[in-house]
Amino acid sequence: MGHLMPFHMHAALALQFIALVSGVLLFNKACGEGFFCKKTGKIIGGFVTIASILSILCSFYLGIKRCCDKDAIKGWHHPTMEMPSGMPGMDEKK
């Protein structure tokens, strides 16, 4: 499951950017002429924009945190380098 994490992060960011663009477009449309419900459009557009910005910031923070977490990238290290000496089952030649 760990190898799918970058894909999940990219998919989440793509959806968050879509939400950001949608919120900004709704807010701009509500500020223009001919919009049927200006106040509601501005409130919903502003809420979606702020929520998506906060969500993007949280995703960046969690992505950087996961990238810098040494336990999460344990698979990148050579297993014999992490194993302490004197473990049972290791053949020591004397």
N, C-alpha and C. Protein backbone atom coordinates (compact mmCIF):
# COMPACT_ATOMS: atom_id res chain seq x y z
N MET A 1 0.82 -1.19 0.00
CA MET A 1 0.00 0.00 0.00
C MET A 1 0.87 1.26 0.00
N GLY A 2 2.06 1.16 0.55
CA GLY A 2 2.94 2.31 0.63
C GLY A 2 3.39 2.82 -0.72
N HIS A 3 3.46 1.94 -1.72
CA HIS A 3 3.91 2.37 -3.04
C HIS A 3 2.83 3.17 -3.78
N LEU A 4 1.58 3.15 -3.32
CA LEU A 4 0.52 3.92 -3.94
C LEU A 4 0.37 5.32 -3.34
N MET A 5 1.12 5.60 -2.28
CA MET A 5 0.98 6.88 -1.59
C MET A 5 1.23 8.08 -2.49
N PRO A 6 2.27 8.09 -3.33
CA PRO A 6 2.47 9.25 -4.21
C PRO A 6 1.29 9.46 -5.17
N PHE A 7 0.70 8.36 -5.65
CA PHE A 7 -0.47 8.48 -6.54
C PHE A 7 -1.64 9.11 -5.79
N HIS A 8 -1.86 8.70 -4.55
CA HIS A 8 -2.94 9.28 -3.75
C HIS A 8 -2.71 10.77 -3.53
N MET A 9 -1.47 11.13 -3.27
CA MET A 9 -1.15 12.54 -3.05
C MET A 9 -1.41 13.36 -4.31
N HIS A 10 -1.03 12.84 -5.46
CA HIS A 10 -1.25 13.56 -6.72
C HIS A 10 -2.74 13.67 -7.03
N ALA A 11 -3.48 12.60 -6.80
CA ALA A 11 -4.93 12.64 -7.05
C ALA A 11 -5.62 13.63 -6.11
N ALA A 12 -5.21 13.64 -4.84
CA ALA A 12 -5.81 14.57 -3.89
C ALA A 12 -5.50 16.01 -4.27
N LEU A 13 -4.26 16.28 -4.66
CA LEU A 13 -3.91 17.64 -5.07
C LEU A 13 -4.65 18.07 -6.32
N ALA A 14 -4.84 17.15 -7.26
CA ALA A 14 -5.58 17.49 -8.48
C ALA A 14 -7.02 17.87 -8.14
N LEU A 15 -7.66 17.10 -7.27
CA LEU A 15 -9.03 17.43 -6.87
C LEU A 15 -9.09 18.75 -6.09
N GLN A 16 -8.09 19.01 -5.28
CA GLN A 16 -8.07 20.24 -4.50
C GLN A 16 -7.89 21.46 -5.41
N PHE A 17 -7.05 21.33 -6.44
CA PHE A 17 -6.89 22.43 -7.37
C PHE A 17 -8.15 22.65 -8.22
N ILE A 18 -8.85 21.57 -8.54
CA ILE A 18 -10.13 21.70 -9.25
C ILE A 18 -11.13 22.45 -8.37
N ALA A 19 -11.16 22.11 -7.08
CA ALA A 19 -12.06 22.80 -6.15
C ALA A 19 -11.67 24.27 -6.02
N LEU A 20 -10.38 24.55 -6.00
CA LEU A 20 -9.93 25.95 -5.91
C LEU A 20 -10.39 26.75 -7.11
N VAL A 21 -10.19 26.21 -8.29
CA VAL A 21 -10.60 26.91 -9.52
C VAL A 21 -12.12 27.07 -9.55
N SER A 22 -12.85 26.06 -9.13
CA SER A 22 -14.32 26.15 -9.12
C SER A 22 -14.79 27.21 -8.15
N GLY A 23 -14.19 27.28 -6.98
CA GLY A 23 -14.56 28.29 -5.99
C GLY A 23 -14.28 29.69 -6.48
N VAL A 24 -13.13 29.88 -7.09
CA VAL A 24 -12.78 31.21 -7.61
C VAL A 24 -13.72 31.60 -8.75
N LEU A 25 -14.03 30.67 -9.63
CA LEU A 25 -14.95 30.97 -10.73
C LEU A 25 -16.35 31.31 -10.22
N LEU A 26 -16.83 30.56 -9.23
CA LEU A 26 -18.14 30.85 -8.66
C LEU A 26 -18.15 32.22 -7.99
N PHE A 27 -17.09 32.53 -7.26
CA PHE A 27 -17.00 33.84 -6.61
C PHE A 27 -16.98 34.97 -7.63
N ASN A 28 -16.18 34.80 -8.69
CA ASN A 28 -16.13 35.82 -9.75
C ASN A 28 -17.45 35.95 -10.49
N LYS A 29 -18.11 34.84 -10.74
CA LYS A 29 -19.41 34.87 -11.42
C LYS A 29 -20.45 35.59 -10.56
N ALA A 30 -20.39 35.37 -9.23
CA ALA A 30 -21.34 36.01 -8.33
C ALA A 30 -21.12 37.51 -8.24
N CYS A 31 -19.90 37.95 -8.47
CA CYS A 31 -19.61 39.39 -8.43
C CYS A 31 -20.02 40.09 -9.71
N GLY A 32 -20.25 39.34 -10.78
CA GLY A 32 -20.60 39.93 -12.07
C GLY A 32 -22.08 40.26 -12.19
N GLU A 33 -22.42 40.83 -13.32
CA GLU A 33 -23.81 41.20 -13.60
C GLU A 33 -24.61 39.98 -14.02
N GLY A 34 -25.88 39.97 -13.68
CA GLY A 34 -26.78 38.93 -14.15
C GLY A 34 -26.77 37.64 -13.34
N PHE A 35 -26.05 37.60 -12.24
CA PHE A 35 -26.06 36.39 -11.42
C PHE A 35 -27.30 36.45 -10.53
N PHE A 36 -28.05 35.35 -10.46
CA PHE A 36 -29.36 35.36 -9.81
C PHE A 36 -29.29 35.47 -8.29
N CYS A 37 -28.22 35.04 -7.65
CA CYS A 37 -28.14 35.07 -6.18
C CYS A 37 -26.73 35.47 -5.77
N LYS A 38 -26.46 36.76 -5.79
CA LYS A 38 -25.10 37.26 -5.58
C LYS A 38 -24.56 36.92 -4.20
N LYS A 39 -25.36 37.12 -3.15
CA LYS A 39 -24.86 36.93 -1.79
C LYS A 39 -24.53 35.46 -1.53
N THR A 40 -25.41 34.56 -1.92
CA THR A 40 -25.16 33.13 -1.72
C THR A 40 -23.98 32.65 -2.55
N GLY A 41 -23.87 33.12 -3.77
CA GLY A 41 -22.75 32.75 -4.64
C GLY A 41 -21.42 33.19 -4.07
N LYS A 42 -21.40 34.41 -3.51
CA LYS A 42 -20.16 34.91 -2.92
C LYS A 42 -19.79 34.11 -1.67
N ILE A 43 -20.77 33.78 -0.86
CA ILE A 43 -20.49 33.00 0.37
C ILE A 43 -19.99 31.61 0.03
N ILE A 44 -20.69 30.93 -0.86
CA ILE A 44 -20.28 29.55 -1.22
C ILE A 44 -18.94 29.56 -1.96
N GLY A 45 -18.76 30.48 -2.90
CA GLY A 45 -17.50 30.58 -3.63
C GLY A 45 -16.33 30.90 -2.71
N GLY A 46 -16.55 31.81 -1.77
CA GLY A 46 -15.49 32.14 -0.81
C GLY A 46 -15.17 30.98 0.11
N PHE A 47 -16.21 30.28 0.56
CA PHE A 47 -15.99 29.12 1.44
C PHE A 47 -15.22 28.02 0.72
N VAL A 48 -15.62 27.71 -0.51
CA VAL A 48 -14.93 26.66 -1.27
C VAL A 48 -13.48 27.06 -1.55
N THR A 49 -13.25 28.33 -1.86
CA THR A 49 -11.89 28.80 -2.12
C THR A 49 -11.01 28.69 -0.88
N ILE A 50 -11.51 29.16 0.26
CA ILE A 50 -10.73 29.10 1.50
C ILE A 50 -10.50 27.66 1.93
N ALA A 51 -11.54 26.81 1.84
CA ALA A 51 -11.39 25.41 2.24
C ALA A 51 -10.39 24.68 1.34
N SER A 52 -10.40 24.97 0.04
CA SER A 52 -9.46 24.30 -0.85
C SER A 52 -8.03 24.78 -0.63
N ILE A 53 -7.85 26.06 -0.31
CA ILE A 53 -6.49 26.57 -0.02
C ILE A 53 -5.95 25.90 1.24
N LEU A 54 -6.79 25.82 2.28
CA LEU A 54 -6.35 25.14 3.51
C LEU A 54 -6.05 23.67 3.27
N SER A 55 -6.86 23.03 2.45
CA SER A 55 -6.65 21.62 2.13
C SER A 55 -5.35 21.40 1.35
N ILE A 56 -5.05 22.30 0.42
CA ILE A 56 -3.80 22.21 -0.34
C ILE A 56 -2.60 22.39 0.59
N LEU A 57 -2.69 23.36 1.50
CA LEU A 57 -1.60 23.57 2.45
C LEU A 57 -1.40 22.35 3.35
N CYS A 58 -2.48 21.75 3.80
CA CYS A 58 -2.37 20.54 4.63
C CYS A 58 -1.75 19.39 3.84
N SER A 59 -2.13 19.25 2.58
CA SER A 59 -1.56 18.18 1.76
C SER A 59 -0.06 18.39 1.55
N PHE A 60 0.35 19.63 1.32
CA PHE A 60 1.78 19.92 1.18
C PHE A 60 2.52 19.59 2.47
N TYR A 61 1.94 19.98 3.60
CA TYR A 61 2.57 19.70 4.89
C TYR A 61 2.70 18.20 5.12
N LEU A 62 1.62 17.45 4.89
CA LEU A 62 1.68 16.01 5.10
C LEU A 62 2.63 15.33 4.11
N GLY A 63 2.69 15.82 2.87
CA GLY A 63 3.61 15.26 1.89
C GLY A 63 5.06 15.48 2.29
N ILE A 64 5.37 16.68 2.77
CA ILE A 64 6.74 16.97 3.21
C ILE A 64 7.06 16.18 4.47
N LYS A 65 6.09 16.08 5.37
CA LYS A 65 6.30 15.31 6.60
C LYS A 65 6.57 13.84 6.27
N ARG A 66 5.81 13.28 5.32
CA ARG A 66 6.01 11.88 4.93
C ARG A 66 7.35 11.71 4.22
N CYS A 67 7.74 12.68 3.44
CA CYS A 67 9.00 12.61 2.72
C CYS A 67 10.18 12.63 3.68
N CYS A 68 10.08 13.40 4.74
CA CYS A 68 11.18 13.55 5.69
C CYS A 68 11.15 12.51 6.81
N ASP A 69 10.11 11.69 6.87
CA ASP A 69 9.99 10.69 7.93
C ASP A 69 10.92 9.52 7.62
N LYS A 70 11.86 9.27 8.49
CA LYS A 70 12.85 8.21 8.24
C LYS A 70 12.24 6.82 8.34
N ASP A 71 11.23 6.62 9.17
CA ASP A 71 10.60 5.30 9.29
C ASP A 71 9.78 4.95 8.05
N ALA A 72 9.23 5.95 7.37
CA ALA A 72 8.42 5.69 6.19
C ALA A 72 9.26 5.26 4.99
N ILE A 73 10.53 5.64 4.96
CA ILE A 73 11.37 5.31 3.81
C ILE A 73 12.35 4.20 4.15
N LYS A 74 12.00 3.37 5.12
CA LYS A 74 12.89 2.30 5.53
C LYS A 74 13.22 1.35 4.38
N GLY A 75 12.31 1.17 3.46
CA GLY A 75 12.54 0.26 2.35
C GLY A 75 13.65 0.72 1.42
N TRP A 76 14.06 1.98 1.52
CA TRP A 76 15.12 2.49 0.65
C TRP A 76 16.50 2.07 1.12
N HIS A 77 16.63 1.62 2.35
CA HIS A 77 17.92 1.27 2.90
C HIS A 77 18.20 -0.21 2.69
N HIS A 78 19.45 -0.56 2.68
CA HIS A 78 19.84 -1.95 2.55
C HIS A 78 19.56 -2.66 3.86
N PRO A 79 18.87 -3.82 3.84
CA PRO A 79 18.46 -4.46 5.09
C PRO A 79 19.62 -4.88 5.98
N THR A 80 20.76 -5.25 5.42
CA THR A 80 21.87 -5.68 6.27
C THR A 80 22.52 -4.50 6.97
N MET A 81 22.35 -3.31 6.43
CA MET A 81 22.93 -2.14 7.07
C MET A 81 22.14 -1.75 8.32
N GLU A 82 20.83 -2.09 8.36
CA GLU A 82 19.99 -1.72 9.49
C GLU A 82 20.01 -2.78 10.59
N MET A 83 20.46 -4.00 10.27
CA MET A 83 20.42 -5.08 11.23
C MET A 83 21.61 -4.97 12.19
N PRO A 84 21.34 -4.96 13.50
CA PRO A 84 22.45 -4.89 14.45
C PRO A 84 23.27 -6.18 14.43
N SER A 85 24.51 -6.06 14.82
CA SER A 85 25.37 -7.25 14.83
C SER A 85 24.98 -8.17 15.97
N GLY A 86 25.27 -9.43 15.81
CA GLY A 86 25.00 -10.41 16.85
C GLY A 86 23.54 -10.89 16.85
N MET A 87 22.84 -10.74 15.77
CA MET A 87 21.45 -11.21 15.70
C MET A 87 21.46 -12.72 15.58
N PRO A 88 20.49 -13.40 16.17
CA PRO A 88 20.41 -14.86 16.02
C PRO A 88 20.22 -15.24 14.54
N GLY A 89 20.87 -16.31 14.18
CA GLY A 89 20.75 -16.79 12.80
C GLY A 89 21.83 -16.26 11.89
N MET A 90 22.63 -15.35 12.35
CA MET A 90 23.71 -14.82 11.54
C MET A 90 24.95 -15.69 11.77
N ASP A 91 25.55 -16.12 10.72
CA ASP A 91 26.76 -16.95 10.84
C ASP A 91 27.97 -16.05 11.02
N GLU A 92 28.59 -16.20 12.14
CA GLU A 92 29.82 -15.45 12.39
C GLU A 92 31.00 -16.41 12.28
N LYS A 93 31.95 -16.07 11.48
CA LYS A 93 33.14 -16.92 11.34
C LYS A 93 34.20 -16.41 12.28
N LYS A 94 34.70 -17.33 13.09
CA LYS A 94 35.74 -16.95 14.04
C LYS A 94 37.05 -17.58 13.69
